[in-house]
Each structure stands twice: as structure tokens, then as C-alpha cells.
Amino acid sequence: MKTKTKYSATDFAELAISQIGIPYITQEQQFNHCLDCGGLVIACVRECGMNVEVEADYNTAKSEFSPVLLKYTRQVADEVATDKMRVGDIVLFWLFQEHQPMHVGIVVASESEGFDFDFVHTCDSAGKVCREEMTENWIKHRHSVWRVRGLE
């Protein structure tokens, strides 16, 4: 897809979908090879021709991941109200401590009746990039929603 010059939010979501099944490896950002949750977003952003400045060791400890995850997200996206979430948005989740984002995914269209959205993320228990329904449990743990700048 790198031959395109302009990407839409739908294109961005499709890039995430194309990574389903790619192995999960901590601190990896290699499109079509291996990814972690932040690496999935970084790789898809880079595939759209945008730059993200990433530190070599961006996930040294869970307690440090929260500000780093927000730092990288802010480089390429603007926060939007959670009720304005749409396909192609980046969604941050808190997992252990409320208000501390520790996980990230990309919003995609739902494949199931009864759900407004699915999202693509790395699932360490499955060991790969997965598509999952945006269930009430995930919505309850949603920290914030971000819209990538420069997408049509």
C-alpha cells in the first residue's frame, strides 16, 4: 500500500486488519513481521507515510508505558470524544490502573451484529495480532480515543 499518496481512515483500519495473525513480540514495530500493541499503531502510521519518533526501549516497565504510549499517540493524532469514535481511530485502554493507558488498538468496522465496532490489537495470550469485538468490558476500560491527523 505504500504506493498511495493519500490514505483514508478506512485505509488505516485496513492496514491494521492486514496484520491479523502477525506474531506478537514485545517492542517490535515491523509491519508484516512482528508487532506489539504500540508497534501495530506505529507500523500502520509509518505505512501511511507519517513519521513517529520512537525511543529504542519504549516499554521498559509497565509503570513507564503510560506516558510513553500517550507521547507517541500525540505525535500523530488528536484526542476526540469517546462517543465520536469511528473506524480508523486509535483507542487507548487502561488495564490495571484506571486512567493509566497500558494498551492500544485500531478501531475497525464490526463483523458481528450487536456491536458498533471491533478493534485490532496484539493479544499476548494468543501471541499474535487479533481482531476483537468492542465489548462492554473493553468500553469500560477505554481510556481515550484519538484521530490520526492527515487521513482523508
Protein backbone atom coordinates (compact mmCIF):
# COMPACT_ATOMS: atom_id res chain seq x y z
CA MET A 1 0.00 0.00 0.00
CA LYS A 2 2.99 2.36 0.22
CA THR A 3 2.40 3.44 -3.39
CA LYS A 4 -0.60 5.52 -2.30
CA THR A 5 -0.01 9.17 -1.57
CA LYS A 6 -3.16 9.84 0.47
CA TYR A 7 -4.74 7.48 2.98
CA SER A 8 -8.20 7.47 4.48
CA ALA A 9 -9.25 6.35 7.95
CA THR A 10 -10.65 3.23 6.27
CA ASP A 11 -7.26 2.56 4.64
CA PHE A 12 -5.63 2.90 8.05
CA ALA A 13 -8.09 0.38 9.53
CA GLU A 14 -7.45 -1.98 6.60
CA LEU A 15 -3.70 -1.78 7.25
CA ALA A 16 -4.40 -2.94 10.82
CA ILE A 17 -6.66 -5.75 9.57
CA SER A 18 -3.89 -6.87 7.19
CA GLN A 19 -1.69 -7.53 10.24
CA ILE A 20 -4.06 -10.05 11.86
CA GLY A 21 -2.08 -13.19 12.63
CA ILE A 22 1.31 -11.45 12.69
CA PRO A 23 3.28 -12.65 15.74
CA TYR A 24 3.27 -10.61 18.95
CA ILE A 25 6.78 -9.75 20.15
CA THR A 26 7.41 -7.09 22.78
CA GLN A 27 8.87 -3.84 21.43
CA GLU A 28 8.55 -4.80 17.79
CA GLN A 29 7.17 -2.47 15.12
CA GLN A 30 7.88 -4.42 11.95
CA PHE A 31 4.94 -4.32 9.54
CA ASN A 32 4.16 -7.81 8.16
CA HIS A 33 6.71 -9.38 10.52
CA CYS A 34 6.23 -8.93 14.29
CA LEU A 35 4.50 -6.34 16.46
CA ASP A 36 3.43 -5.38 19.95
CA CYS A 37 0.38 -3.20 20.64
CA GLY A 38 2.17 0.11 20.25
CA GLY A 39 4.19 -1.30 17.38
CA LEU A 40 0.99 -2.13 15.49
CA VAL A 41 -0.07 1.51 15.56
CA ILE A 42 3.44 2.80 14.83
CA ALA A 43 3.85 0.41 11.87
CA CYS A 44 0.46 1.33 10.38
CA VAL A 45 1.18 5.06 10.79
CA ARG A 46 4.53 4.60 9.06
CA GLU A 47 2.87 2.64 6.23
CA CYS A 48 0.75 5.76 5.66
CA GLY A 49 3.96 7.75 5.19
CA MET A 50 3.98 9.52 8.56
CA ASN A 51 6.94 9.65 10.90
CA VAL A 52 6.88 8.62 14.55
CA GLU A 53 9.94 9.27 16.70
CA VAL A 54 10.38 6.17 18.85
CA GLU A 55 12.87 5.57 21.64
CA ALA A 56 14.86 2.36 21.38
CA ASP A 57 13.41 0.89 24.59
CA TYR A 58 9.86 2.25 24.78
CA ASN A 59 8.41 -0.43 27.04
CA THR A 60 10.96 -0.82 29.81
CA ALA A 61 8.38 -1.12 32.59
CA LYS A 62 4.60 -1.12 32.80
CA SER A 63 4.72 1.94 35.06
CA GLU A 64 6.60 3.88 32.37
CA PHE A 65 4.49 2.72 29.43
CA SER A 66 1.52 5.00 30.12
CA PRO A 67 3.24 8.35 29.41
CA VAL A 68 5.23 6.86 26.53
CA LEU A 69 2.09 5.48 24.88
CA LEU A 70 0.42 8.88 25.14
CA LYS A 71 3.59 10.60 23.87
CA TYR A 72 3.66 8.52 20.67
CA THR A 73 -0.08 8.83 20.12
CA ARG A 74 0.08 12.63 20.46
CA GLN A 75 2.74 12.78 17.72
CA VAL A 76 0.28 11.63 15.07
CA ALA A 77 -3.26 12.03 16.43
CA ASP A 78 -5.64 14.38 18.21
CA GLU A 79 -7.89 13.25 21.04
CA VAL A 80 -11.61 13.11 20.25
CA ALA A 81 -14.61 12.46 22.46
CA THR A 82 -15.13 8.75 23.08
CA ASP A 83 -18.68 8.98 21.72
CA LYS A 84 -17.21 10.23 18.40
CA MET A 85 -15.15 7.06 17.90
CA ARG A 86 -15.10 5.83 14.30
CA VAL A 87 -13.31 3.39 12.03
CA GLY A 88 -9.60 4.22 11.77
CA ASP A 89 -9.32 5.82 15.20
CA ILE A 90 -6.72 4.78 17.75
CA VAL A 91 -8.18 3.63 21.06
CA LEU A 92 -6.19 3.51 24.30
CA PHE A 93 -7.21 1.24 27.17
CA TRP A 94 -6.36 1.12 30.85
CA LEU A 95 -5.89 -2.39 32.15
CA PHE A 96 -4.54 -2.39 35.71
CA GLN A 97 -4.94 1.16 36.97
CA GLU A 98 -7.81 3.34 35.89
CA HIS A 99 -6.72 6.42 33.95
CA GLN A 100 -3.35 4.86 33.07
CA PRO A 101 -3.40 3.73 29.42
CA MET A 102 -1.49 0.49 29.01
CA HIS A 103 -2.84 -0.95 25.76
CA VAL A 104 -3.77 0.33 22.32
CA GLY A 105 -5.67 -0.81 19.26
CA ILE A 106 -7.10 0.46 15.99
CA VAL A 107 -10.87 0.72 15.53
CA VAL A 108 -12.34 -1.25 12.62
CA ALA A 109 -15.87 -1.97 11.41
CA SER A 110 -17.80 -4.63 13.32
CA GLU A 111 -18.27 -8.06 11.80
CA SER A 112 -20.88 -9.03 14.40
CA GLU A 113 -24.43 -7.91 14.90
CA GLY A 114 -24.90 -6.09 18.17
CA PHE A 115 -21.51 -4.39 18.20
CA ASP A 116 -20.79 -0.96 16.78
CA PHE A 117 -17.08 -1.60 16.34
CA ASP A 118 -14.32 -4.17 16.50
CA PHE A 119 -10.69 -3.30 17.08
CA VAL A 120 -7.37 -4.78 16.03
CA HIS A 121 -4.66 -5.16 18.66
CA THR A 122 -1.91 -7.50 19.77
CA CYS A 123 -3.05 -10.16 22.16
CA ASP A 124 -0.17 -11.54 24.18
CA SER A 125 -2.22 -14.55 25.34
CA ALA A 126 -2.81 -15.51 21.69
CA GLY A 127 0.71 -14.46 20.73
CA LYS A 128 -0.41 -12.54 17.66
CA VAL A 129 -2.36 -9.61 16.24
CA CYS A 130 -6.09 -10.23 16.69
CA ARG A 131 -9.45 -8.70 15.82
CA GLU A 132 -11.81 -8.43 18.75
CA GLU A 133 -15.32 -7.13 19.36
CA MET A 134 -15.53 -3.84 21.24
CA THR A 135 -17.49 -5.40 24.09
CA GLU A 136 -18.83 -3.60 27.15
CA ASN A 137 -15.77 -4.79 29.07
CA TRP A 138 -13.41 -3.12 26.58
CA ILE A 139 -15.57 0.02 26.51
CA LYS A 140 -15.43 0.11 30.32
CA HIS A 141 -11.62 0.07 30.09
CA ARG A 142 -11.39 2.62 27.29
CA HIS A 143 -9.07 5.45 28.31
CA SER A 144 -9.29 7.70 25.26
CA VAL A 145 -9.87 7.84 21.51
CA TRP A 146 -7.53 9.53 19.02
CA ARG A 147 -7.98 10.54 15.38
CA VAL A 148 -4.89 10.28 13.15
CA ARG A 149 -4.03 13.60 11.54
CA GLY A 150 -3.68 13.77 7.77
CA LEU A 151 -6.05 10.92 6.87
CA GLU A 152 -8.83 11.71 4.42
